Amino acid sequence: MLLVAGPDGVADQAVGVVGLAGAEVTFLRGVLMRNGRELAALMGCDPVALSRWENGKSPIGTQSDKLLRLAAVFQKQVPDYSLADLEKAANEPGEATPLRFTLAYSRGEWKVEGSSKARPSAA
């Protein structure tokens, strides 16, 4: 996967990226040690949609693809936050700190390169 940074330094264009194939979705679900219902709930999608991705009956959406890839790269089970938890976090004072990183696939594994806090953009 090759991400191209826009003028603001944020990776906003994927070049030569094809959505995950069904077998890849199934494999990554196994990496995350989730069954179909658990992964669907975690990703905020319908279990039927997840099944269609895995069986190649429907392509995985761009955002779901990215979420699944990132979860697998970091090999962590993403916590399931309640709506109350998300609202609380959204209303906390202060600004979120954006992170910048590059994912590189080399010799059969994904690596995170250049992880750092993004610089604030000049307005």
PDB file of N, CA and C in Angstrom:
ATOM      1  N   MET A   1       0.852  -1.163   0.000  1.00  0.00           N
ATOM      2  CA  MET A   1       0.000   0.000   0.000  1.00  0.00           C
ATOM      3  C   MET A   1       0.894   1.221   0.000  1.00  0.00           C
ATOM      4  N   LEU A   2       0.578   2.165  -0.852  1.00  0.00           N
ATOM      5  CA  LEU A   2       1.337   3.391  -0.943  1.00  0.00           C
ATOM      6  C   LEU A   2       0.392   4.547  -0.687  1.00  0.00           C
ATOM      7  N   LEU A   3       0.684   5.333   0.334  1.00  0.00           N
ATOM      8  CA  LEU A   3      -0.129   6.499   0.640  1.00  0.00           C
ATOM      9  C   LEU A   3       0.619   7.734   0.186  1.00  0.00           C
ATOM     10  N   VAL A   4      -0.080   8.648  -0.457  1.00  0.00           N
ATOM     11  CA  VAL A   4       0.517   9.874  -0.950  1.00  0.00           C
ATOM     12  C   VAL A   4       0.004  11.031  -0.111  1.00  0.00           C
ATOM     13  N   ALA A   5       0.921  11.832   0.421  1.00  0.00           N
ATOM     14  CA  ALA A   5       0.542  12.955   1.270  1.00  0.00           C
ATOM     15  C   ALA A   5       0.099  14.133   0.410  1.00  0.00           C
ATOM     16  N   GLY A   6      -0.957  14.804   0.862  1.00  0.00           N
ATOM     17  CA  GLY A   6      -1.443  16.000   0.206  1.00  0.00           C
ATOM     18  C   GLY A   6      -0.633  17.207   0.646  1.00  0.00           C
ATOM     19  N   PRO A   7      -1.009  18.407   0.211  1.00  0.00           N
ATOM     20  CA  PRO A   7      -0.273  19.617   0.539  1.00  0.00           C
ATOM     21  C   PRO A   7      -0.198  19.888   2.044  1.00  0.00           C
ATOM     22  N   ASP A   8      -1.163  19.385   2.788  1.00  0.00           N
ATOM     23  CA  ASP A   8      -1.161  19.604   4.235  1.00  0.00           C
ATOM     24  C   ASP A   8      -0.344  18.553   4.970  1.00  0.00           C
ATOM     25  N   GLY A   9       0.283  17.635   4.228  1.00  0.00           N
ATOM     26  CA  GLY A   9       1.114  16.614   4.840  1.00  0.00           C
ATOM     27  C   GLY A   9       0.355  15.396   5.315  1.00  0.00           C
ATOM     28  N   VAL A  10      -0.950  15.372   5.095  1.00  0.00           N
ATOM     29  CA  VAL A  10      -1.764  14.252   5.534  1.00  0.00           C
ATOM     30  C   VAL A  10      -1.960  13.291   4.368  1.00  0.00           C
ATOM     31  N   ALA A  11      -1.782  12.007   4.630  1.00  0.00           N
ATOM     32  CA  ALA A  11      -1.966  11.001   3.585  1.00  0.00           C
ATOM     33  C   ALA A  11      -3.434  10.951   3.211  1.00  0.00           C
ATOM     34  N   ASP A  12      -3.730  11.387   2.003  1.00  0.00           N
ATOM     35  CA  ASP A  12      -5.128  11.441   1.613  1.00  0.00           C
ATOM     36  C   ASP A  12      -5.409  10.738   0.296  1.00  0.00           C
ATOM     37  N   GLN A  13      -4.417  10.093  -0.264  1.00  0.00           N
ATOM     38  CA  GLN A  13      -4.639   9.424  -1.536  1.00  0.00           C
ATOM     39  C   GLN A  13      -3.912   8.085  -1.517  1.00  0.00           C
ATOM     40  N   ALA A  14      -4.627   7.043  -1.796  1.00  0.00           N
ATOM     41  CA  ALA A  14      -4.022   5.716  -1.870  1.00  0.00           C
ATOM     42  C   ALA A  14      -3.755   5.397  -3.327  1.00  0.00           C
ATOM     43  N   VAL A  15      -2.554   4.957  -3.625  1.00  0.00           N
ATOM     44  CA  VAL A  15      -2.170   4.647  -4.991  1.00  0.00           C
ATOM     45  C   VAL A  15      -1.991   3.144  -5.109  1.00  0.00           C
ATOM     46  N   GLY A  16      -2.648   2.546  -6.070  1.00  0.00           N
ATOM     47  CA  GLY A  16      -2.491   1.129  -6.313  1.00  0.00           C
ATOM     48  C   GLY A  16      -3.052   0.249  -5.200  1.00  0.00           C
ATOM     49  N   VAL A  17      -3.992   0.759  -4.454  1.00  0.00           N
ATOM     50  CA  VAL A  17      -4.563  -0.006  -3.359  1.00  0.00           C
ATOM     51  C   VAL A  17      -5.852  -0.661  -3.824  1.00  0.00           C
ATOM     52  N   VAL A  18      -5.945  -1.943  -3.625  1.00  0.00           N
ATOM     53  CA  VAL A  18      -7.140  -2.699  -3.954  1.00  0.00           C
ATOM     54  C   VAL A  18      -7.747  -3.149  -2.638  1.00  0.00           C
ATOM     55  N   GLY A  19      -9.075  -3.133  -2.549  1.00  0.00           N
ATOM     56  CA  GLY A  19      -9.738  -3.566  -1.328  1.00  0.00           C
ATOM     57  C   GLY A  19      -9.366  -4.993  -0.968  1.00  0.00           C
ATOM     58  N   LEU A  20      -9.485  -5.296   0.304  1.00  0.00           N
ATOM     59  CA  LEU A  20      -9.174  -6.635   0.786  1.00  0.00           C
ATOM     60  C   LEU A  20     -10.047  -7.679   0.097  1.00  0.00           C
ATOM     61  N   ALA A  21      -9.458  -8.801  -0.243  1.00  0.00           N
ATOM     62  CA  ALA A  21     -10.207  -9.931  -0.796  1.00  0.00           C
ATOM     63  C   ALA A  21     -10.890 -10.660   0.354  1.00  0.00           C
ATOM     64  N   GLY A  22     -11.885 -11.458   0.031  1.00  0.00           N
ATOM     65  CA  GLY A  22     -12.630 -12.175   1.051  1.00  0.00           C
ATOM     66  C   GLY A  22     -11.763 -13.020   1.961  1.00  0.00           C
ATOM     67  N   ALA A  23     -10.812 -13.740   1.371  1.00  0.00           N
ATOM     68  CA  ALA A  23      -9.921 -14.588   2.171  1.00  0.00           C
ATOM     69  C   ALA A  23      -9.058 -13.748   3.108  1.00  0.00           C
ATOM     70  N   GLU A  24      -8.700 -12.532   2.680  1.00  0.00           N
ATOM     71  CA  GLU A  24      -7.904 -11.643   3.527  1.00  0.00           C
ATOM     72  C   GLU A  24      -8.725 -11.137   4.711  1.00  0.00           C
ATOM     73  N   VAL A  25     -10.002 -10.824   4.459  1.00  0.00           N
ATOM     74  CA  VAL A  25     -10.880 -10.392   5.551  1.00  0.00           C
ATOM     75  C   VAL A  25     -10.995 -11.507   6.585  1.00  0.00           C
ATOM     76  N   THR A  26     -11.206 -12.734   6.112  1.00  0.00           N
ATOM     77  CA  THR A  26     -11.317 -13.889   7.006  1.00  0.00           C
ATOM     78  C   THR A  26     -10.020 -14.088   7.784  1.00  0.00           C
ATOM     79  N   PHE A  27      -8.889 -13.971   7.101  1.00  0.00           N
ATOM     80  CA  PHE A  27      -7.592 -14.136   7.752  1.00  0.00           C
ATOM     81  C   PHE A  27      -7.393 -13.083   8.851  1.00  0.00           C
ATOM     82  N   LEU A  28      -7.692 -11.824   8.538  1.00  0.00           N
ATOM     83  CA  LEU A  28      -7.498 -10.759   9.520  1.00  0.00           C
ATOM     84  C   LEU A  28      -8.450 -10.905  10.699  1.00  0.00           C
ATOM     85  N   ARG A  29      -9.645 -11.416  10.459  1.00  0.00           N
ATOM     86  CA  ARG A  29     -10.561 -11.694  11.567  1.00  0.00           C
ATOM     87  C   ARG A  29      -9.928 -12.706  12.511  1.00  0.00           C
ATOM     88  N   GLY A  30      -9.271 -13.703  11.948  1.00  0.00           N
ATOM     89  CA  GLY A  30      -8.574 -14.700  12.759  1.00  0.00           C
ATOM     90  C   GLY A  30      -7.405 -14.106  13.522  1.00  0.00           C
ATOM     91  N   VAL A  31      -6.666 -13.206  12.873  1.00  0.00           N
ATOM     92  CA  VAL A  31      -5.548 -12.529  13.540  1.00  0.00           C
ATOM     93  C   VAL A  31      -6.047 -11.768  14.768  1.00  0.00           C
ATOM     94  N   LEU A  32      -7.213 -11.160  14.630  1.00  0.00           N
ATOM     95  CA  LEU A  32      -7.784 -10.383  15.735  1.00  0.00           C
ATOM     96  C   LEU A  32      -8.531 -11.259  16.743  1.00  0.00           C
ATOM     97  N   MET A  33      -8.555 -12.564  16.486  1.00  0.00           N
ATOM     98  CA  MET A  33      -9.191 -13.530  17.380  1.00  0.00           C
ATOM     99  C   MET A  33     -10.641 -13.162  17.681  1.00  0.00           C
ATOM    100  N   ARG A  34     -11.392 -12.883  16.623  1.00  0.00           N
ATOM    101  CA  ARG A  34     -12.813 -12.532  16.746  1.00  0.00           C
ATOM    102  C   ARG A  34     -13.640 -13.467  15.882  1.00  0.00           C
ATOM    103  N   ASN A  35     -14.847 -13.780  16.349  1.00  0.00           N
ATOM    104  CA  ASN A  35     -15.760 -14.489  15.458  1.00  0.00           C
ATOM    105  C   ASN A  35     -16.476 -13.435  14.613  1.00  0.00           C
ATOM    106  N   GLY A  36     -17.300 -13.880  13.670  1.00  0.00           N
ATOM    107  CA  GLY A  36     -17.953 -12.945  12.749  1.00  0.00           C
ATOM    108  C   GLY A  36     -18.822 -11.914  13.437  1.00  0.00           C
ATOM    109  N   ARG A  37     -19.614 -12.348  14.398  1.00  0.00           N
ATOM    110  CA  ARG A  37     -20.498 -11.405  15.101  1.00  0.00           C
ATOM    111  C   ARG A  37     -19.696 -10.384  15.906  1.00  0.00           C
ATOM    112  N   GLU A  38     -18.616 -10.836  16.557  1.00  0.00           N
ATOM    113  CA  GLU A  38     -17.793  -9.925  17.357  1.00  0.00           C
ATOM    114  C   GLU A  38     -17.115  -8.876  16.475  1.00  0.00           C
ATOM    115  N   LEU A  39     -16.542  -9.320  15.364  1.00  0.00           N
ATOM    116  CA  LEU A  39     -15.865  -8.369  14.489  1.00  0.00           C
ATOM    117  C   LEU A  39     -16.858  -7.401  13.862  1.00  0.00           C
ATOM    118  N   ALA A  40     -18.005  -7.887  13.458  1.00  0.00           N
ATOM    119  CA  ALA A  40     -19.032  -7.007  12.873  1.00  0.00           C
ATOM    120  C   ALA A  40     -19.465  -5.946  13.884  1.00  0.00           C
ATOM    121  N   ALA A  41     -19.689  -6.353  15.131  1.00  0.00           N
ATOM    122  CA  ALA A  41     -20.092  -5.400  16.169  1.00  0.00           C
ATOM    123  C   ALA A  41     -18.983  -4.386  16.415  1.00  0.00           C
ATOM    124  N   LEU A  42     -17.753  -4.854  16.434  1.00  0.00           N
ATOM    125  CA  LEU A  42     -16.610  -3.975  16.668  1.00  0.00           C
ATOM    126  C   LEU A  42     -16.452  -2.943  15.560  1.00  0.00           C
ATOM    127  N   MET A  43     -16.704  -3.360  14.327  1.00  0.00           N
ATOM    128  CA  MET A  43     -16.535  -2.478  13.178  1.00  0.00           C
ATOM    129  C   MET A  43     -17.775  -1.638  12.902  1.00  0.00           C
ATOM    130  N   GLY A  44     -18.856  -1.923  13.622  1.00  0.00           N
ATOM    131  CA  GLY A  44     -20.079  -1.159  13.415  1.00  0.00           C
ATOM    132  C   GLY A  44     -20.789  -1.513  12.126  1.00  0.00           C
ATOM    133  N   CYS A  45     -20.695  -2.773  11.727  1.00  0.00           N
ATOM    134  CA  CYS A  45     -21.374  -3.198  10.507  1.00  0.00           C
ATOM    135  C   CYS A  45     -22.276  -4.390  10.816  1.00  0.00           C
ATOM    136  N   ASP A  46     -23.081  -4.741   9.864  1.00  0.00           N
ATOM    137  CA  ASP A  46     -23.990  -5.868   9.999  1.00  0.00           C
ATOM    138  C   ASP A  46     -23.217  -7.168   9.795  1.00  0.00           C
ATOM    139  N   PRO A  47     -23.463  -8.207  10.607  1.00  0.00           N
ATOM    140  CA  PRO A  47     -22.779  -9.484  10.402  1.00  0.00           C
ATOM    141  C   PRO A  47     -22.984 -10.060   8.995  1.00  0.00           C
ATOM    142  N   VAL A  48     -24.125  -9.768   8.399  1.00  0.00           N
ATOM    143  CA  VAL A  48     -24.382 -10.240   7.029  1.00  0.00           C
ATOM    144  C   VAL A  48     -23.413  -9.565   6.055  1.00  0.00           C
ATOM    145  N   ALA A  49     -23.154  -8.276   6.256  1.00  0.00           N
ATOM    146  CA  ALA A  49     -22.198  -7.563   5.398  1.00  0.00           C
ATOM    147  C   ALA A  49     -20.805  -8.165   5.533  1.00  0.00           C
ATOM    148  N   LEU A  50     -20.388  -8.449   6.766  1.00  0.00           N
ATOM    149  CA  LEU A  50     -19.076  -9.065   6.999  1.00  0.00           C
ATOM    150  C   LEU A  50     -19.002 -10.420   6.298  1.00  0.00           C
ATOM    151  N   SER A  51     -20.046 -11.202   6.398  1.00  0.00           N
ATOM    152  CA  SER A  51     -20.089 -12.501   5.734  1.00  0.00           C
ATOM    153  C   SER A  51     -19.976 -12.345   4.217  1.00  0.00           C
ATOM    154  N   ARG A  52     -20.636 -11.345   3.661  1.00  0.00           N
ATOM    155  CA  ARG A  52     -20.569 -11.106   2.205  1.00  0.00           C
ATOM    156  C   ARG A  52     -19.158 -10.705   1.782  1.00  0.00           C
ATOM    157  N   TRP A  53     -18.468  -9.906   2.627  1.00  0.00           N
ATOM    158  CA  TRP A  53     -17.076  -9.548   2.312  1.00  0.00           C
ATOM    159  C   TRP A  53     -16.215 -10.804   2.298  1.00  0.00           C
ATOM    160  N   GLU A  54     -16.383 -11.631   3.339  1.00  0.00           N
ATOM    161  CA  GLU A  54     -15.556 -12.836   3.452  1.00  0.00           C
ATOM    162  C   GLU A  54     -15.815 -13.827   2.321  1.00  0.00           C
ATOM    163  N   ASN A  55     -17.032 -13.896   1.839  1.00  0.00           N
ATOM    164  CA  ASN A  55     -17.390 -14.831   0.773  1.00  0.00           C
ATOM    165  C   ASN A  55     -17.222 -14.242  -0.621  1.00  0.00           C
ATOM    166  N   GLY A  56     -16.739 -13.006  -0.708  1.00  0.00           N
ATOM    167  CA  GLY A  56     -16.516 -12.375  -2.002  1.00  0.00           C
ATOM    168  C   GLY A  56     -17.787 -11.972  -2.726  1.00  0.00           C
ATOM    169  N   LYS A  57     -18.912 -11.925  -2.025  1.00  0.00           N
ATOM    170  CA  LYS A  57     -20.193 -11.562  -2.645  1.00  0.00           C
ATOM    171  C   LYS A  57     -20.380 -10.051  -2.724  1.00  0.00           C
ATOM    172  N   SER A  58     -19.614  -9.312  -1.903  1.00  0.00           N
ATOM    173  CA  SER A  58     -19.724  -7.862  -1.869  1.00  0.00           C
ATOM    174  C   SER A  58     -18.352  -7.289  -1.512  1.00  0.00           C
ATOM    175  N   PRO A  59     -17.925  -6.202  -2.158  1.00  0.00           N
ATOM    176  CA  PRO A  59     -16.622  -5.619  -1.812  1.00  0.00           C
ATOM    177  C   PRO A  59     -16.691  -4.893  -0.466  1.00  0.00           C
ATOM    178  N   ILE A  60     -15.594  -4.943   0.260  1.00  0.00           N
ATOM    179  CA  ILE A  60     -15.519  -4.232   1.533  1.00  0.00           C
ATOM    180  C   ILE A  60     -15.384  -2.740   1.245  1.00  0.00           C
ATOM    181  N   GLY A  61     -16.059  -1.910   2.036  1.00  0.00           N
ATOM    182  CA  GLY A  61     -15.976  -0.458   1.862  1.00  0.00           C
ATOM    183  C   GLY A  61     -14.608   0.080   2.250  1.00  0.00           C
ATOM    184  N   THR A  62     -14.285   1.245   1.758  1.00  0.00           N
ATOM    185  CA  THR A  62     -12.982   1.859   1.988  1.00  0.00           C
ATOM    186  C   THR A  62     -12.687   2.054   3.472  1.00  0.00           C
ATOM    187  N   GLN A  63     -13.645   2.610   4.222  1.00  0.00           N
ATOM    188  CA  GLN A  63     -13.408   2.875   5.638  1.00  0.00           C
ATOM    189  C   GLN A  63     -13.279   1.584   6.438  1.00  0.00           C
ATOM    190  N   SER A  64     -14.111   0.604   6.135  1.00  0.00           N
ATOM    191  CA  SER A  64     -14.031  -0.685   6.828  1.00  0.00           C
ATOM    192  C   SER A  64     -12.718  -1.378   6.512  1.00  0.00           C
ATOM    193  N   ASP A  65     -12.287  -1.272   5.275  1.00  0.00           N
ATOM    194  CA  ASP A  65     -11.014  -1.840   4.854  1.00  0.00           C
ATOM    195  C   ASP A  65      -9.874  -1.240   5.679  1.00  0.00           C
ATOM    196  N   LYS A  66      -9.847   0.084   5.770  1.00  0.00           N
ATOM    197  CA  LYS A  66      -8.782   0.762   6.523  1.00  0.00           C
ATOM    198  C   LYS A  66      -8.815   0.386   8.000  1.00  0.00           C
ATOM    199  N   LEU A  67     -10.011   0.355   8.582  1.00  0.00           N
ATOM    200  CA  LEU A  67     -10.146   0.005   9.991  1.00  0.00           C
ATOM    201  C   LEU A  67      -9.616  -1.400  10.252  1.00  0.00           C
ATOM    202  N   LEU A  68      -9.982  -2.342   9.411  1.00  0.00           N
ATOM    203  CA  LEU A  68      -9.549  -3.717   9.597  1.00  0.00           C
ATOM    204  C   LEU A  68      -8.039  -3.852   9.421  1.00  0.00           C
ATOM    205  N   ARG A  69      -7.483  -3.170   8.434  1.00  0.00           N
ATOM    206  CA  ARG A  69      -6.027  -3.212   8.220  1.00  0.00           C
ATOM    207  C   ARG A  69      -5.277  -2.636   9.423  1.00  0.00           C
ATOM    208  N   LEU A  70      -5.731  -1.496   9.924  1.00  0.00           N
ATOM    209  CA  LEU A  70      -5.055  -0.875  11.069  1.00  0.00           C
ATOM    210  C   LEU A  70      -5.156  -1.732  12.317  1.00  0.00           C
ATOM    211  N   ALA A  71      -6.317  -2.299  12.556  1.00  0.00           N
ATOM    212  CA  ALA A  71      -6.486  -3.170  13.724  1.00  0.00           C
ATOM    213  C   ALA A  71      -5.521  -4.351  13.629  1.00  0.00           C
ATOM    214  N   ALA A  72      -5.370  -4.915  12.435  1.00  0.00           N
ATOM    215  CA  ALA A  72      -4.480  -6.063  12.259  1.00  0.00           C
ATOM    216  C   ALA A  72      -3.012  -5.660  12.388  1.00  0.00           C
ATOM    217  N   VAL A  73      -2.655  -4.490  11.870  1.00  0.00           N
ATOM    218  CA  VAL A  73      -1.265  -4.035  11.952  1.00  0.00           C
ATOM    219  C   VAL A  73      -0.840  -3.895  13.404  1.00  0.00           C
ATOM    220  N   PHE A  74      -1.686  -3.306  14.189  1.00  0.00           N
ATOM    221  CA  PHE A  74      -1.340  -3.088  15.587  1.00  0.00           C
ATOM    222  C   PHE A  74      -1.636  -4.314  16.442  1.00  0.00           C
ATOM    223  N   GLN A  75      -2.263  -5.340  15.853  1.00  0.00           N
ATOM    224  CA  GLN A  75      -2.573  -6.609  16.498  1.00  0.00           C
ATOM    225  C   GLN A  75      -3.132  -6.432  17.901  1.00  0.00           C
ATOM    226  N   LYS A  76      -4.062  -5.533  17.998  1.00  0.00           N
ATOM    227  CA  LYS A  76      -4.725  -5.302  19.271  1.00  0.00           C
ATOM    228  C   LYS A  76      -6.217  -5.445  19.053  1.00  0.00           C
ATOM    229  N   GLN A  77      -6.886  -5.958  20.040  1.00  0.00           N
ATOM    230  CA  GLN A  77      -8.323  -5.972  19.972  1.00  0.00           C
ATOM    231  C   GLN A  77      -8.785  -4.560  20.300  1.00  0.00           C
ATOM    232  N   VAL A  78      -9.517  -3.961  19.387  1.00  0.00           N
ATOM    233  CA  VAL A  78      -9.992  -2.600  19.578  1.00  0.00           C
ATOM    234  C   VAL A  78     -11.111  -2.623  20.614  1.00  0.00           C
ATOM    235  N   PRO A  79     -11.010  -1.779  21.651  1.00  0.00           N
ATOM    236  CA  PRO A  79     -12.058  -1.807  22.676  1.00  0.00           C
ATOM    237  C   PRO A  79     -13.410  -1.395  22.110  1.00  0.00           C
ATOM    238  N   ASP A  80     -14.426  -1.941  22.667  1.00  0.00           N
ATOM    239  CA  ASP A  80     -15.788  -1.623  22.256  1.00  0.00           C
ATOM    240  C   ASP A  80     -16.295  -0.517  23.168  1.00  0.00           C
ATOM    241  N   TYR A  81     -16.370   0.687  22.656  1.00  0.00           N
ATOM    242  CA  TYR A  81     -16.794   1.828  23.450  1.00  0.00           C
ATOM    243  C   TYR A  81     -18.302   2.013  23.353  1.00  0.00           C
ATOM    244  N   SER A  82     -18.914   2.352  24.458  1.00  0.00           N
ATOM    245  CA  SER A  82     -20.340   2.658  24.442  1.00  0.00           C
ATOM    246  C   SER A  82     -20.524   4.074  23.897  1.00  0.00           C
ATOM    247  N   LEU A  83     -21.736   4.383  23.503  1.00  0.00           N
ATOM    248  CA  LEU A  83     -22.034   5.726  23.020  1.00  0.00           C
ATOM    249  C   LEU A  83     -21.754   6.757  24.097  1.00  0.00           C
ATOM    250  N   ALA A  84     -22.055   6.440  25.357  1.00  0.00           N
ATOM    251  CA  ALA A  84     -21.789   7.364  26.471  1.00  0.00           C
ATOM    252  C   ALA A  84     -20.285   7.649  26.591  1.00  0.00           C
ATOM    253  N   ASP A  85     -19.454   6.614  26.427  1.00  0.00           N
ATOM    254  CA  ASP A  85     -17.995   6.805  26.487  1.00  0.00           C
ATOM    255  C   ASP A  85     -17.519   7.724  25.361  1.00  0.00           C
ATOM    256  N   LEU A  86     -18.063   7.517  24.157  1.00  0.00           N
ATOM    257  CA  LEU A  86     -17.660   8.343  23.015  1.00  0.00           C
ATOM    258  C   LEU A  86     -18.104   9.791  23.193  1.00  0.00           C
ATOM    259  N   GLU A  87     -19.314  10.002  23.710  1.00  0.00           N
ATOM    260  CA  GLU A  87     -19.796  11.362  23.947  1.00  0.00           C
ATOM    261  C   GLU A  87     -18.946  12.061  25.005  1.00  0.00           C
ATOM    262  N   LYS A  88     -18.580  11.330  26.044  1.00  0.00           N
ATOM    263  CA  LYS A  88     -17.737  11.896  27.094  1.00  0.00           C
ATOM    264  C   LYS A  88     -16.384  12.325  26.523  1.00  0.00           C
ATOM    265  N   ALA A  89     -15.775  11.457  25.714  1.00  0.00           N
ATOM    266  CA  ALA A  89     -14.480  11.771  25.111  1.00  0.00           C
ATOM    267  C   ALA A  89     -14.588  12.961  24.161  1.00  0.00           C
ATOM    268  N   ALA A  90     -15.686  13.046  23.423  1.00  0.00           N
ATOM    269  CA  ALA A  90     -15.873  14.145  22.470  1.00  0.00           C
ATOM    270  C   ALA A  90     -16.047  15.480  23.178  1.00  0.00           C
ATOM    271  N   ASN A  91     -16.567  15.460  24.392  1.00  0.00           N
ATOM    272  CA  ASN A  91     -16.826  16.706  25.122  1.00  0.00           C
ATOM    273  C   ASN A  91     -15.710  17.098  26.083  1.00  0.00           C
ATOM    274  N   GLU A  92     -14.626  16.312  26.143  1.00  0.00           N
ATOM    275  CA  GLU A  92     -13.511  16.670  27.009  1.00  0.00           C
ATOM    276  C   GLU A  92     -12.809  17.889  26.437  1.00  0.00           C
ATOM    277  N   PRO A  93     -12.336  18.778  27.320  1.00  0.00           N
ATOM    278  CA  PRO A  93     -11.641  19.976  26.837  1.00  0.00           C
ATOM    279  C   PRO A  93     -10.310  19.592  26.183  1.00  0.00           C
ATOM    280  N   GLY A  94      -9.838  20.478  25.327  1.00  0.00           N
ATOM    281  CA  GLY A  94      -8.571  20.238  24.645  1.00  0.00           C
ATOM    282  C   GLY A  94      -8.806  19.692  23.252  1.00  0.00           C
ATOM    283  N   GLU A  95      -7.718  19.625  22.524  1.00  0.00           N
ATOM    284  CA  GLU A  95      -7.804  19.140  21.154  1.00  0.00           C
ATOM    285  C   GLU A  95      -7.140  17.779  21.043  1.00  0.00           C
ATOM    286  N   ALA A  96      -7.622  17.005  20.113  1.00  0.00           N
ATOM    287  CA  ALA A  96      -6.996  15.710  19.841  1.00  0.00           C
ATOM    288  C   ALA A  96      -5.637  15.947  19.200  1.00  0.00           C
ATOM    289  N   THR A  97      -4.707  15.063  19.462  1.00  0.00           N
ATOM    290  CA  THR A  97      -3.388  15.160  18.865  1.00  0.00           C
ATOM    291  C   THR A  97      -3.327  14.221  17.671  1.00  0.00           C
ATOM    292  N   PRO A  98      -3.302  14.780  16.463  1.00  0.00           N
ATOM    293  CA  PRO A  98      -3.238  13.903  15.300  1.00  0.00           C
ATOM    294  C   PRO A  98      -1.885  13.205  15.225  1.00  0.00           C
ATOM    295  N   LEU A  99      -1.894  11.989  14.728  1.00  0.00           N
ATOM    296  CA  LEU A  99      -0.665  11.223  14.551  1.00  0.00           C
ATOM    297  C   LEU A  99      -0.413  11.009  13.074  1.00  0.00           C
ATOM    298  N   ARG A 100       0.845  10.957  12.717  1.00  0.00           N
ATOM    299  CA  ARG A 100       1.218  10.697  11.329  1.00  0.00           C
ATOM    300  C   ARG A 100       2.104   9.457  11.315  1.00  0.00           C
ATOM    301  N   PHE A 101       1.786   8.521  10.443  1.00  0.00           N
ATOM    302  CA  PHE A 101       2.612   7.340  10.303  1.00  0.00           C
ATOM    303  C   PHE A 101       2.443   6.763   8.907  1.00  0.00           C
ATOM    304  N   THR A 102       3.377   5.927   8.529  1.00  0.00           N
ATOM    305  CA  THR A 102       3.358   5.271   7.230  1.00  0.00           C
ATOM    306  C   THR A 102       3.358   3.768   7.466  1.00  0.00           C
ATOM    307  N   LEU A 103       2.500   3.066   6.752  1.00  0.00           N
ATOM    308  CA  LEU A 103       2.486   1.607   6.808  1.00  0.00           C
ATOM    309  C   LEU A 103       3.241   1.092   5.599  1.00  0.00           C
ATOM    310  N   ALA A 104       4.172   0.172   5.825  1.00  0.00           N
ATOM    311  CA  ALA A 104       4.950  -0.406   4.731  1.00  0.00           C
ATOM    312  C   ALA A 104       4.901  -1.924   4.830  1.00  0.00           C
ATOM    313  N   TYR A 105       4.707  -2.572   3.698  1.00  0.00           N
ATOM    314  CA  TYR A 105       4.685  -4.029   3.649  1.00  0.00           C
ATOM    315  C   TYR A 105       6.008  -4.494   3.063  1.00  0.00           C
ATOM    316  N   SER A 106       6.744  -5.268   3.837  1.00  0.00           N
ATOM    317  CA  SER A 106       8.044  -5.721   3.396  1.00  0.00           C
ATOM    318  C   SER A 106       8.318  -7.112   3.944  1.00  0.00           C
ATOM    319  N   ARG A 107       8.761  -7.983   3.078  1.00  0.00           N
ATOM    320  CA  ARG A 107       9.146  -9.337   3.467  1.00  0.00           C
ATOM    321  C   ARG A 107       8.060 -10.062   4.259  1.00  0.00           C
ATOM    322  N   GLY A 108       6.813  -9.907   3.795  1.00  0.00           N
ATOM    323  CA  GLY A 108       5.710 -10.647   4.379  1.00  0.00           C
ATOM    324  C   GLY A 108       5.118 -10.079   5.650  1.00  0.00           C
ATOM    325  N   GLU A 109       5.490  -8.856   6.016  1.00  0.00           N
ATOM    326  CA  GLU A 109       4.889  -8.284   7.218  1.00  0.00           C
ATOM    327  C   GLU A 109       4.721  -6.771   7.082  1.00  0.00           C
ATOM    328  N   TRP A 110       3.745  -6.252   7.819  1.00  0.00           N
ATOM    329  CA  TRP A 110       3.484  -4.819   7.841  1.00  0.00           C
ATOM    330  C   TRP A 110       4.334  -4.174   8.918  1.00  0.00           C
ATOM    331  N   LYS A 111       4.866  -3.004   8.635  1.00  0.00           N
ATOM    332  CA  LYS A 111       5.663  -2.253   9.603  1.00  0.00           C
ATOM    333  C   LYS A 111       5.170  -0.820   9.641  1.00  0.00           C
ATOM    334  N   VAL A 112       5.233  -0.230  10.827  1.00  0.00           N
ATOM    335  CA  VAL A 112       4.885   1.177  10.989  1.00  0.00           C
ATOM    336  C   VAL A 112       6.188   1.963  10.942  1.00  0.00           C
ATOM    337  N   GLU A 113       6.236   2.939  10.037  1.00  0.00           N
ATOM    338  CA  GLU A 113       7.452   3.748   9.885  1.00  0.00           C
ATOM    339  C   GLU A 113       7.106   5.215  10.118  1.00  0.00           C
ATOM    340  N   GLY A 114       8.016   5.942  10.677  1.00  0.00           N
ATOM    341  CA  GLY A 114       7.862   7.388  10.822  1.00  0.00           C
ATOM    342  C   GLY A 114       6.708   7.817  11.691  1.00  0.00           C
ATOM    343  N   SER A 115       6.444   7.100  12.763  1.00  0.00           N
ATOM    344  CA  SER A 115       5.351   7.465  13.667  1.00  0.00           C
ATOM    345  C   SER A 115       5.724   8.703  14.449  1.00  0.00           C
ATOM    346  N   SER A 116       4.888   9.728  14.361  1.00  0.00           N
ATOM    347  CA  SER A 116       5.138  10.963  15.107  1.00  0.00           C
ATOM    348  C   SER A 116       3.846  11.762  15.231  1.00  0.00           C
ATOM    349  N   LYS A 117       3.881  12.733  16.092  1.00  0.00           N
ATOM    350  CA  LYS A 117       2.744  13.631  16.196  1.00  0.00           C
ATOM    351  C   LYS A 117       2.775  14.579  15.006  1.00  0.00           C
ATOM    352  N   ALA A 118       1.637  14.786  14.405  1.00  0.00           N
ATOM    353  CA  ALA A 118       1.555  15.689  13.263  1.00  0.00           C
ATOM    354  C   ALA A 118       1.687  17.128  13.736  1.00  0.00           C
ATOM    355  N   ARG A 119       2.344  17.925  12.921  1.00  0.00           N
ATOM    356  CA  ARG A 119       2.473  19.350  13.255  1.00  0.00           C
ATOM    357  C   ARG A 119       1.177  20.060  12.953  1.00  0.00           C
ATOM    358  N   PRO A 120       0.793  21.022  13.800  1.00  0.00           N
ATOM    359  CA  PRO A 120      -0.425  21.773  13.498  1.00  0.00           C
ATOM    360  C   PRO A 120      -0.265  22.526  12.188  1.00  0.00           C
ATOM    361  N   SER A 121      -1.329  22.556  11.401  1.00  0.00           N
ATOM    362  CA  SER A 121      -1.249  23.268  10.131  1.00  0.00           C
ATOM    363  C   SER A 121      -1.417  24.762  10.358  1.00  0.00           C
ATOM    364  N   ALA A 122      -0.718  25.534   9.553  1.00  0.00           N
ATOM    365  CA  ALA A 122      -0.820  26.994   9.641  1.00  0.00           C
ATOM    366  C   ALA A 122      -2.098  27.425   8.917  1.00  0.00           C
ATOM    367  N   ALA A 123      -2.935  28.168   9.601  1.00  0.00           N
ATOM    368  CA  ALA A 123      -4.209  28.573   8.993  1.00  0.00           C
ATOM    369  C   ALA A 123      -4.130  29.949   8.406  1.00  0.00           C
TER     370      ALA A 123
END
